[in-house]
Amino acid sequence: MYYYGHPYMVYPYYLPQSIGTVPVNYAPMYRNNLIQSTVRQQNQYPPVDTEQLDKSVHKFQDLMKQANLLLAKLAEDPVFAKELMTEAQQSKSEKVNKMIESTGITIDVKTSFTPTGIRIILNNSEIAGQCCNLLIALRW
């Protein structure tokens, strides 16, 4: 076993009780006035270009329109909703995708489902990993 005589670190701002005594671990804090007096330069950022943001926003608006087609069909047609749920519970993913595409959606659709719900991912990007995806998660 090793013995450590000072189990606690000495607080760096500790001031001695009397003028003549200075603790062994006492390290005075010095300020460097030169560092404090210099003005820190701010990071320079490139100018803002909103072209990509505008493209993303317009593509996402298209996704929202496509999602609205699907949600309107599910809300207005209980027979369609029941059939979709039945096919999903039987793990017929191709049939589920065809049913979703039959609502008028013209973009790429990926679905996954569990006994408690369905996840529908709408994707309108030409290249994988680019803008944009919309995830619709519905419980049943």
Protein backbone atom coordinates (compact mmCIF):
# COMPACT_ATOMS: atom_id res chain seq x y z
CA MET A 1 0.00 0.00 0.00
CA TYR A 2 1.14 3.49 -0.73
CA TYR A 3 0.61 6.39 1.59
CA TYR A 4 -0.41 9.69 0.07
CA GLY A 5 -0.02 12.46 2.59
CA HIS A 6 -2.29 14.97 0.84
CA PRO A 7 -5.46 13.17 -0.31
CA TYR A 8 -7.10 16.41 -1.40
CA MET A 9 -5.81 18.89 -3.92
CA VAL A 10 -5.12 22.32 -2.54
CA TYR A 11 -7.54 24.84 -3.95
CA PRO A 12 -5.47 27.10 -6.24
CA TYR A 13 -6.92 30.30 -4.80
CA TYR A 14 -6.03 29.37 -1.25
CA LEU A 15 -4.70 32.32 0.69
CA PRO A 16 -2.44 31.70 3.68
CA GLN A 17 -3.87 32.46 7.12
CA SER A 18 -0.94 34.51 8.25
CA ILE A 19 1.62 36.49 6.35
CA GLY A 20 4.63 34.41 7.37
CA THR A 21 3.25 30.97 6.44
CA VAL A 22 2.84 29.69 2.90
CA PRO A 23 1.54 26.15 2.34
CA VAL A 24 3.82 23.70 0.54
CA ASN A 25 1.45 23.16 -2.40
CA TYR A 26 0.58 26.83 -2.84
CA ALA A 27 1.06 28.08 -6.39
CA PRO A 28 0.25 31.77 -6.87
CA MET A 29 -1.82 32.71 -9.90
CA TYR A 30 -0.16 35.24 -12.18
CA ARG A 31 -1.99 37.21 -14.80
CA ASN A 32 -0.38 38.00 -18.06
CA ASN A 33 -1.54 41.52 -18.81
CA LEU A 34 -0.11 41.29 -22.32
CA ILE A 35 -2.46 38.46 -23.25
CA GLN A 36 -5.46 40.19 -21.75
CA SER A 37 -4.75 43.46 -23.50
CA THR A 38 -4.54 42.00 -27.01
CA VAL A 39 -7.77 41.90 -28.95
CA ARG A 40 -8.77 38.43 -30.06
CA GLN A 41 -9.49 38.24 -33.75
CA GLN A 42 -12.81 36.72 -34.66
CA ASN A 43 -12.96 33.72 -36.96
CA GLN A 44 -13.62 34.76 -40.52
CA TYR A 45 -16.47 32.83 -42.13
CA PRO A 46 -17.13 32.70 -45.84
CA PRO A 47 -20.08 34.69 -47.14
CA VAL A 48 -23.45 33.02 -46.81
CA ASP A 49 -24.82 31.31 -49.94
CA THR A 50 -28.46 30.23 -49.65
CA GLU A 51 -28.70 28.53 -53.05
CA GLN A 52 -28.45 24.98 -51.60
CA LEU A 53 -30.88 25.85 -48.81
CA ASP A 54 -33.41 27.14 -51.37
CA LYS A 55 -33.11 23.90 -53.35
CA SER A 56 -33.57 21.83 -50.20
CA VAL A 57 -36.61 23.81 -49.12
CA HIS A 58 -38.30 23.40 -52.51
CA LYS A 59 -37.57 19.67 -52.60
CA PHE A 60 -38.90 19.27 -49.08
CA GLN A 61 -42.10 21.10 -50.03
CA ASP A 62 -42.56 18.48 -52.75
CA LEU A 63 -42.09 15.75 -50.14
CA MET A 64 -44.74 17.34 -47.98
CA LYS A 65 -47.19 17.37 -50.89
CA GLN A 66 -46.53 13.69 -51.54
CA ALA A 67 -46.95 12.86 -47.85
CA ASN A 68 -50.23 14.76 -47.81
CA LEU A 69 -51.54 12.52 -50.62
CA LEU A 70 -50.80 9.41 -48.57
CA LEU A 71 -52.16 10.77 -45.30
CA ALA A 72 -55.34 12.06 -46.97
CA LYS A 73 -55.98 8.59 -48.45
CA LEU A 74 -55.45 6.92 -45.07
CA ALA A 75 -57.70 9.43 -43.32
CA GLU A 76 -60.52 9.39 -45.87
CA ASP A 77 -60.63 5.69 -46.77
CA PRO A 78 -60.94 3.36 -43.75
CA VAL A 79 -61.15 0.32 -46.04
CA PHE A 80 -57.77 1.22 -47.57
CA ALA A 81 -56.28 1.77 -44.09
CA LYS A 82 -57.55 -1.59 -42.85
CA GLU A 83 -56.21 -3.40 -45.92
CA LEU A 84 -52.82 -1.68 -45.57
CA MET A 85 -52.61 -2.68 -41.93
CA THR A 86 -53.64 -6.27 -42.70
CA GLU A 87 -50.99 -6.64 -45.42
CA ALA A 88 -48.33 -5.12 -43.15
CA GLN A 89 -49.18 -7.47 -40.29
CA GLN A 90 -48.75 -10.38 -42.69
CA SER A 91 -45.29 -9.00 -43.66
CA LYS A 92 -46.19 -8.47 -47.30
CA SER A 93 -43.87 -5.52 -47.87
CA GLU A 94 -44.15 -5.48 -51.68
CA LYS A 95 -47.94 -5.34 -51.46
CA VAL A 96 -47.72 -2.54 -48.85
CA ASN A 97 -45.37 -0.52 -51.10
CA LYS A 98 -47.71 -0.97 -54.09
CA MET A 99 -50.67 0.16 -52.00
CA ILE A 100 -48.79 3.26 -50.86
CA GLU A 101 -47.74 4.06 -54.43
CA SER A 102 -51.37 3.64 -55.55
CA THR A 103 -52.26 6.75 -53.52
CA GLY A 104 -50.59 8.90 -56.18
CA ILE A 105 -47.10 9.16 -54.71
CA THR A 106 -44.54 9.52 -57.48
CA ILE A 107 -41.30 9.44 -55.46
CA ASP A 108 -39.22 6.66 -53.88
CA VAL A 109 -40.90 5.00 -50.89
CA LYS A 110 -39.35 2.68 -48.32
CA THR A 111 -41.44 1.08 -45.61
CA SER A 112 -40.83 -0.91 -42.49
CA PHE A 113 -43.43 -2.07 -40.05
CA THR A 114 -43.77 -3.68 -36.67
CA PRO A 115 -46.76 -5.03 -34.76
CA THR A 116 -47.19 -1.55 -33.25
CA GLY A 117 -46.83 0.71 -36.29
CA ILE A 118 -45.44 1.57 -39.70
CA ARG A 119 -42.54 3.77 -40.81
CA ILE A 120 -42.69 5.27 -44.28
CA ILE A 121 -39.63 7.08 -45.67
CA LEU A 122 -40.20 9.34 -48.66
CA ASN A 123 -37.03 10.16 -50.58
CA ASN A 124 -36.75 12.50 -53.56
CA SER A 125 -32.98 12.73 -53.93
CA GLU A 126 -31.39 11.82 -57.23
CA ILE A 127 -28.14 10.80 -55.50
CA ALA A 128 -28.11 8.80 -52.26
CA GLY A 129 -27.33 10.92 -49.21
CA GLN A 130 -28.46 14.20 -50.75
CA CYS A 131 -31.60 16.18 -49.98
CA CYS A 132 -34.23 15.15 -48.82
CA ASN A 133 -35.96 12.46 -46.73
CA LEU A 134 -39.24 12.61 -44.89
CA LEU A 135 -40.04 9.98 -42.27
CA ILE A 136 -43.68 9.29 -41.44
CA ALA A 137 -44.10 7.13 -38.35
CA LEU A 138 -47.66 5.99 -37.62
CA ARG A 139 -48.87 3.79 -34.77
CA TRP A 140 -51.69 1.31 -34.96
